[in-house]
């Protein structure tokens, strides 16, 4: 008759710490690749939308205002 293995002690690991590390590495790798592609597209200017109203508003704020009290 085969010996019955004793049950593991409470708190002992029953799953190795590197269980499915390949999946975690794949997900992290894909996230890095997606982030690099998005960064490259933004740097290339594809993510930049022209907003003439916003630029006009900023340009109007940049002009120096004359002080009526100064001679």
PDB file of N, CA and C in Angstrom:
ATOM      1  N   UNK A   1       0.844  -1.167   0.000  1.00  0.00           N
ATOM      2  CA  UNK A   1       0.000   0.000   0.000  1.00  0.00           C
ATOM      3  C   UNK A   1       0.897   1.239   0.000  1.00  0.00           C
ATOM      4  N   UNK A   2       0.492   2.252  -0.810  1.00  0.00           N
ATOM      5  CA  UNK A   2       1.266   3.490  -0.911  1.00  0.00           C
ATOM      6  C   UNK A   2       1.069   4.327   0.340  1.00  0.00           C
ATOM      7  N   UNK A   3       2.139   5.082   0.647  1.00  0.00           N
ATOM      8  CA  UNK A   3       2.029   5.984   1.794  1.00  0.00           C
ATOM      9  C   UNK A   3       1.223   7.216   1.396  1.00  0.00           C
ATOM     10  N   UNK A   4       0.406   7.659   2.292  1.00  0.00           N
ATOM     11  CA  UNK A   4      -0.400   8.860   2.058  1.00  0.00           C
ATOM     12  C   UNK A   4       0.455  10.063   2.425  1.00  0.00           C
ATOM     13  N   UNK A   5       0.624  11.017   1.498  1.00  0.00           N
ATOM     14  CA  UNK A   5       1.440  12.179   1.837  1.00  0.00           C
ATOM     15  C   UNK A   5       0.765  12.999   2.930  1.00  0.00           C
ATOM     16  N   UNK A   6       1.591  13.557   3.795  1.00  0.00           N
ATOM     17  CA  UNK A   6       1.034  14.375   4.870  1.00  0.00           C
ATOM     18  C   UNK A   6       0.556  15.705   4.291  1.00  0.00           C
ATOM     19  N   UNK A   7      -0.493  16.270   4.835  1.00  0.00           N
ATOM     20  CA  UNK A   7      -0.988  17.548   4.325  1.00  0.00           C
ATOM     21  C   UNK A   7       0.044  18.644   4.590  1.00  0.00           C
ATOM     22  N   UNK A   8       0.103  19.662   3.731  1.00  0.00           N
ATOM     23  CA  UNK A   8       1.081  20.728   3.942  1.00  0.00           C
ATOM     24  C   UNK A   8       0.767  21.507   5.216  1.00  0.00           C
ATOM     25  N   UNK A   9       1.815  22.035   5.797  1.00  0.00           N
ATOM     26  CA  UNK A   9       1.638  22.828   6.999  1.00  0.00           C
ATOM     27  C   UNK A   9       0.916  24.131   6.663  1.00  0.00           C
ATOM     28  N   UNK A  10       0.164  24.671   7.593  1.00  0.00           N
ATOM     29  CA  UNK A  10      -0.525  25.941   7.320  1.00  0.00           C
ATOM     30  C   UNK A  10       0.498  27.032   6.999  1.00  0.00           C
ATOM     31  N   UNK A  11       0.206  27.809   5.981  1.00  0.00           N
ATOM     32  CA  UNK A  11       1.081  28.894   5.574  1.00  0.00           C
ATOM     33  C   UNK A  11       2.157  28.488   4.591  1.00  0.00           C
ATOM     34  N   UNK A  12       2.245  27.224   4.257  1.00  0.00           N
ATOM     35  CA  UNK A  12       3.276  26.805   3.307  1.00  0.00           C
ATOM     36  C   UNK A  12       2.780  27.048   1.886  1.00  0.00           C
ATOM     37  N   UNK A  13       3.738  27.309   0.971  1.00  0.00           N
ATOM     38  CA  UNK A  13       3.377  27.556  -0.415  1.00  0.00           C
ATOM     39  C   UNK A  13       2.985  26.243  -1.080  1.00  0.00           C
ATOM     40  N   UNK A  14       1.837  26.259  -1.719  1.00  0.00           N
ATOM     41  CA  UNK A  14       1.445  25.095  -2.504  1.00  0.00           C
ATOM     42  C   UNK A  14       1.617  25.382  -3.995  1.00  0.00           C
ATOM     43  N   UNK A  15       1.814  26.656  -4.339  1.00  0.00           N
ATOM     44  CA  UNK A  15       2.053  27.063  -5.721  1.00  0.00           C
ATOM     45  C   UNK A  15       3.389  27.793  -5.738  1.00  0.00           C
ATOM     46  N   UNK A  16       4.202  27.485  -6.712  1.00  0.00           N
ATOM     47  CA  UNK A  16       5.511  28.117  -6.757  1.00  0.00           C
ATOM     48  C   UNK A  16       5.375  29.621  -7.014  1.00  0.00           C
ATOM     49  N   UNK A  17       6.309  30.430  -6.511  1.00  0.00           N
ATOM     50  CA  UNK A  17       6.223  31.876  -6.705  1.00  0.00           C
ATOM     51  C   UNK A  17       6.313  32.302  -8.170  1.00  0.00           C
ATOM     52  N   UNK A  18       6.918  31.487  -9.018  1.00  0.00           N
ATOM     53  CA  UNK A  18       7.047  31.839 -10.425  1.00  0.00           C
ATOM     54  C   UNK A  18       5.969  31.195 -11.286  1.00  0.00           C
ATOM     55  N   UNK A  19       4.860  30.819 -10.690  1.00  0.00           N
ATOM     56  CA  UNK A  19       3.762  30.198 -11.425  1.00  0.00           C
ATOM     57  C   UNK A  19       3.215  31.179 -12.449  1.00  0.00           C
ATOM     58  N   UNK A  20       3.206  30.800 -13.692  1.00  0.00           N
ATOM     59  CA  UNK A  20       2.717  31.573 -14.838  1.00  0.00           C
ATOM     60  C   UNK A  20       3.438  32.905 -14.991  1.00  0.00           C
ATOM     61  N   UNK A  21       4.725  32.951 -14.731  1.00  0.00           N
ATOM     62  CA  UNK A  21       5.488  34.186 -14.902  1.00  0.00           C
ATOM     63  C   UNK A  21       5.536  34.589 -16.358  1.00  0.00           C
ATOM     64  N   UNK A  22       5.397  33.617 -17.261  1.00  0.00           N
ATOM     65  CA  UNK A  22       5.416  33.933 -18.684  1.00  0.00           C
ATOM     66  C   UNK A  22       4.249  34.831 -19.062  1.00  0.00           C
ATOM     67  N   UNK A  23       3.087  34.585 -18.474  1.00  0.00           N
ATOM     68  CA  UNK A  23       1.903  35.402 -18.751  1.00  0.00           C
ATOM     69  C   UNK A  23       2.106  36.826 -18.256  1.00  0.00           C
ATOM     70  N   UNK A  24       2.653  36.963 -17.069  1.00  0.00           N
ATOM     71  CA  UNK A  24       2.904  38.293 -16.508  1.00  0.00           C
ATOM     72  C   UNK A  24       3.917  39.042 -17.372  1.00  0.00           C
ATOM     73  N   UNK A  25       4.981  38.360 -17.786  1.00  0.00           N
ATOM     74  CA  UNK A  25       5.993  38.991 -18.629  1.00  0.00           C
ATOM     75  C   UNK A  25       5.395  39.397 -19.978  1.00  0.00           C
ATOM     76  N   UNK A  26       4.520  38.589 -20.536  1.00  0.00           N
ATOM     77  CA  UNK A  26       3.878  38.908 -21.802  1.00  0.00           C
ATOM     78  C   UNK A  26       2.998  40.150 -21.671  1.00  0.00           C
ATOM     79  N   UNK A  27       2.216  40.232 -20.626  1.00  0.00           N
ATOM     80  CA  UNK A  27       1.336  41.390 -20.415  1.00  0.00           C
ATOM     81  C   UNK A  27       2.161  42.664 -20.220  1.00  0.00           C
ATOM     82  N   UNK A  28       3.216  42.592 -19.420  1.00  0.00           N
ATOM     83  CA  UNK A  28       4.070  43.756 -19.202  1.00  0.00           C
ATOM     84  C   UNK A  28       4.764  44.156 -20.503  1.00  0.00           C
ATOM     85  N   UNK A  29       5.234  43.185 -21.253  1.00  0.00           N
ATOM     86  CA  UNK A  29       5.879  43.470 -22.535  1.00  0.00           C
ATOM     87  C   UNK A  29       4.933  44.132 -23.520  1.00  0.00           C
ATOM     88  N   UNK A  30       3.702  43.643 -23.602  1.00  0.00           N
ATOM     89  CA  UNK A  30       2.722  44.254 -24.500  1.00  0.00           C
ATOM     90  C   UNK A  30       2.386  45.675 -24.074  1.00  0.00           C
ATOM     91  N   UNK A  31       2.293  45.913 -22.772  1.00  0.00           N
ATOM     92  CA  UNK A  31       2.012  47.263 -22.279  1.00  0.00           C
ATOM     93  C   UNK A  31       3.145  48.216 -22.642  1.00  0.00           C
ATOM     94  N   UNK A  32       4.379  47.762 -22.554  1.00  0.00           N
ATOM     95  CA  UNK A  32       5.525  48.594 -22.916  1.00  0.00           C
ATOM     96  C   UNK A  32       5.510  48.900 -24.404  1.00  0.00           C
ATOM     97  N   UNK A  33       5.217  47.906 -25.222  1.00  0.00           N
ATOM     98  CA  UNK A  33       5.177  48.111 -26.672  1.00  0.00           C
ATOM     99  C   UNK A  33       4.075  49.105 -27.038  1.00  0.00           C
ATOM    100  N   UNK A  34       2.898  48.958 -26.452  1.00  0.00           N
ATOM    101  CA  UNK A  34       1.798  49.880 -26.741  1.00  0.00           C
ATOM    102  C   UNK A  34       2.169  51.296 -26.310  1.00  0.00           C
ATOM    103  N   UNK A  35       2.792  51.447 -25.144  1.00  0.00           N
ATOM    104  CA  UNK A  35       3.203  52.770 -24.671  1.00  0.00           C
ATOM    105  C   UNK A  35       4.226  53.395 -25.612  1.00  0.00           C
ATOM    106  N   UNK A  36       5.156  52.611 -26.124  1.00  0.00           N
ATOM    107  CA  UNK A  36       6.151  53.136 -27.062  1.00  0.00           C
ATOM    108  C   UNK A  36       5.517  53.559 -28.380  1.00  0.00           C
ATOM    109  N   UNK A  37       4.562  52.790 -28.868  1.00  0.00           N
ATOM    110  CA  UNK A  37       3.883  53.146 -30.111  1.00  0.00           C
ATOM    111  C   UNK A  37       3.084  54.436 -29.934  1.00  0.00           C
ATOM    112  N   UNK A  38       2.375  54.557 -28.833  1.00  0.00           N
ATOM    113  CA  UNK A  38       1.604  55.775 -28.575  1.00  0.00           C
ATOM    114  C   UNK A  38       2.536  56.968 -28.449  1.00  0.00           C
ATOM    115  N   UNK A  39       3.637  56.814 -27.750  1.00  0.00           N
ATOM    116  CA  UNK A  39       4.601  57.908 -27.603  1.00  0.00           C
ATOM    117  C   UNK A  39       5.181  58.302 -28.958  1.00  0.00           C
ATOM    118  N   UNK A  40       5.486  57.332 -29.789  1.00  0.00           N
ATOM    119  CA  UNK A  40       6.033  57.636 -31.118  1.00  0.00           C
ATOM    120  C   UNK A  40       5.012  58.382 -31.970  1.00  0.00           C
ATOM    121  N   UNK A  41       3.749  57.991 -31.902  1.00  0.00           N
ATOM    122  CA  UNK A  41       2.712  58.684 -32.662  1.00  0.00           C
ATOM    123  C   UNK A  41       2.516  60.111 -32.165  1.00  0.00           C
ATOM    124  N   UNK A  42       2.561  60.304 -30.864  1.00  0.00           N
ATOM    125  CA  UNK A  42       2.418  61.656 -30.319  1.00  0.00           C
ATOM    126  C   UNK A  42       3.589  62.541 -30.706  1.00  0.00           C
ATOM    127  N   UNK A  43       4.783  61.992 -30.675  1.00  0.00           N
ATOM    128  CA  UNK A  43       5.960  62.762 -31.052  1.00  0.00           C
ATOM    129  C   UNK A  43       5.903  63.107 -32.543  1.00  0.00           C
ATOM    130  N   UNK A  44       5.400  62.197 -33.348  1.00  0.00           N
ATOM    131  CA  UNK A  44       5.315  62.428 -34.784  1.00  0.00           C
ATOM    132  C   UNK A  44       4.240  63.452 -35.133  1.00  0.00           C
ATOM    133  N   UNK A  45       3.395  63.801 -34.186  1.00  0.00           N
ATOM    134  CA  UNK A  45       2.382  64.817 -34.418  1.00  0.00           C
ATOM    135  C   UNK A  45       1.048  64.280 -34.868  1.00  0.00           C
ATOM    136  N   UNK A  46       0.886  62.985 -34.886  1.00  0.00           N
ATOM    137  CA  UNK A  46      -0.386  62.425 -35.329  1.00  0.00           C
ATOM    138  C   UNK A  46      -1.479  62.587 -34.281  1.00  0.00           C
ATOM    139  N   UNK A  47      -1.102  62.721 -33.028  1.00  0.00           N
ATOM    140  CA  UNK A  47      -2.091  62.876 -31.973  1.00  0.00           C
ATOM    141  C   UNK A  47      -2.442  64.323 -31.696  1.00  0.00           C
ATOM    142  N   UNK A  48      -1.835  65.253 -32.425  1.00  0.00           N
ATOM    143  CA  UNK A  48      -2.057  66.672 -32.156  1.00  0.00           C
ATOM    144  C   UNK A  48      -3.185  67.196 -33.033  1.00  0.00           C
ATOM    145  N   UNK A  49      -4.207  67.682 -32.406  1.00  0.00           N
ATOM    146  CA  UNK A  49      -5.326  68.271 -33.135  1.00  0.00           C
ATOM    147  C   UNK A  49      -5.170  69.790 -33.117  1.00  0.00           C
ATOM    148  N   UNK A  50      -5.431  70.407 -34.238  1.00  0.00           N
ATOM    149  CA  UNK A  50      -5.340  71.866 -34.287  1.00  0.00           C
ATOM    150  C   UNK A  50      -6.604  72.446 -33.661  1.00  0.00           C
ATOM    151  N   UNK A  51      -6.378  73.407 -32.783  1.00  0.00           N
ATOM    152  CA  UNK A  51      -7.498  74.089 -32.156  1.00  0.00           C
ATOM    153  C   UNK A  51      -7.305  75.587 -32.346  1.00  0.00           C
ATOM    154  N   UNK A  52      -7.775  76.140 -33.449  1.00  0.00           N
ATOM    155  CA  UNK A  52      -7.537  77.558 -33.693  1.00  0.00           C
ATOM    156  C   UNK A  52      -8.174  78.456 -32.638  1.00  0.00           C
ATOM    157  N   UNK A  53      -9.325  78.071 -32.099  1.00  0.00           N
ATOM    158  CA  UNK A  53      -9.966  78.919 -31.080  1.00  0.00           C
ATOM    159  C   UNK A  53      -9.081  79.014 -29.850  1.00  0.00           C
ATOM    160  N   UNK A  54      -8.520  77.894 -29.440  1.00  0.00           N
ATOM    161  CA  UNK A  54      -7.646  77.857 -28.272  1.00  0.00           C
ATOM    162  C   UNK A  54      -6.383  78.680 -28.525  1.00  0.00           C
ATOM    163  N   UNK A  55      -5.810  78.544 -29.708  1.00  0.00           N
ATOM    164  CA  UNK A  55      -4.607  79.294 -30.031  1.00  0.00           C
ATOM    165  C   UNK A  55      -4.900  80.783 -30.121  1.00  0.00           C
ATOM    166  N   UNK A  56      -6.059  81.152 -30.662  1.00  0.00           N
ATOM    167  CA  UNK A  56      -6.437  82.562 -30.715  1.00  0.00           C
ATOM    168  C   UNK A  56      -6.613  83.134 -29.313  1.00  0.00           C
ATOM    169  N   UNK A  57      -7.233  82.368 -28.434  1.00  0.00           N
ATOM    170  CA  UNK A  57      -7.432  82.828 -27.060  1.00  0.00           C
ATOM    171  C   UNK A  57      -6.085  83.020 -26.361  1.00  0.00           C
ATOM    172  N   UNK A  58      -5.179  82.083 -26.559  1.00  0.00           N
ATOM    173  CA  UNK A  58      -3.858  82.219 -25.956  1.00  0.00           C
ATOM    174  C   UNK A  58      -3.105  83.419 -26.529  1.00  0.00           C
ATOM    175  N   UNK A  59      -3.221  83.642 -27.818  1.00  0.00           N
ATOM    176  CA  UNK A  59      -2.540  84.773 -28.439  1.00  0.00           C
ATOM    177  C   UNK A  59      -3.101  86.095 -27.926  1.00  0.00           C
ATOM    178  N   UNK A  60      -4.404  86.153 -27.699  1.00  0.00           N
ATOM    179  CA  UNK A  60      -4.997  87.392 -27.199  1.00  0.00           C
ATOM    180  C   UNK A  60      -4.572  87.668 -25.760  1.00  0.00           C
ATOM    181  N   UNK A  61      -4.302  86.648 -24.993  1.00  0.00           N
ATOM    182  CA  UNK A  61      -3.857  86.848 -23.607  1.00  0.00           C
ATOM    183  C   UNK A  61      -2.396  87.264 -23.552  1.00  0.00           C
ATOM    184  N   UNK A  62      -1.648  86.983 -24.594  1.00  0.00           N
ATOM    185  CA  UNK A  62      -0.224  87.266 -24.586  1.00  0.00           C
ATOM    186  C   UNK A  62       0.095  88.719 -24.920  1.00  0.00           C
ATOM    187  N   UNK A  63      -0.858  89.453 -25.459  1.00  0.00           N
ATOM    188  CA  UNK A  63      -0.577  90.838 -25.827  1.00  0.00           C
ATOM    189  C   UNK A  63      -0.498  91.702 -24.583  1.00  0.00           C
ATOM    190  N   UNK A  64       0.376  92.693 -24.634  1.00  0.00           N
ATOM    191  CA  UNK A  64       0.538  93.608 -23.495  1.00  0.00           C
ATOM    192  C   UNK A  64      -0.612  94.601 -23.489  1.00  0.00           C
ATOM    193  N   UNK A  65      -1.182  94.795 -22.328  1.00  0.00           N
ATOM    194  CA  UNK A  65      -2.271  95.750 -22.191  1.00  0.00           C
ATOM    195  C   UNK A  65      -1.696  97.092 -21.763  1.00  0.00           C
ATOM    196  N   UNK A  66      -2.268  98.134 -22.289  1.00  0.00           N
ATOM    197  CA  UNK A  66      -1.811  99.466 -21.935  1.00  0.00           C
ATOM    198  C   UNK A  66      -2.497  99.900 -20.657  1.00  0.00           C
ATOM    199  N   UNK A  67      -1.716 100.537 -19.779  1.00  0.00           N
ATOM    200  CA  UNK A  67      -2.269 101.044 -18.532  1.00  0.00           C
ATOM    201  C   UNK A  67      -2.742 102.472 -18.757  1.00  0.00           C
ATOM    202  N   UNK A  68      -4.043 102.749 -18.596  1.00  0.00           N
ATOM    203  CA  UNK A  68      -4.547 104.099 -18.887  1.00  0.00           C
ATOM    204  C   UNK A  68      -4.052 105.134 -17.859  1.00  0.00           C
ATOM    205  N   UNK A  69      -3.624 104.710 -16.699  1.00  0.00           N
ATOM    206  CA  UNK A  69      -3.147 105.656 -15.669  1.00  0.00           C
ATOM    207  C   UNK A  69      -1.711 106.074 -15.878  1.00  0.00           C
ATOM    208  N   UNK A  70      -0.973 105.357 -16.663  1.00  0.00           N
ATOM    209  CA  UNK A  70       0.442 105.705 -16.908  1.00  0.00           C
ATOM    210  C   UNK A  70       0.541 106.738 -18.017  1.00  0.00           C
ATOM    211  N   UNK A  71       1.448 107.682 -17.848  1.00  0.00           N
ATOM    212  CA  UNK A  71       1.602 108.719 -18.901  1.00  0.00           C
ATOM    213  C   UNK A  71       2.305 108.206 -20.111  1.00  0.00           C
TER     214      UNK A  71
END
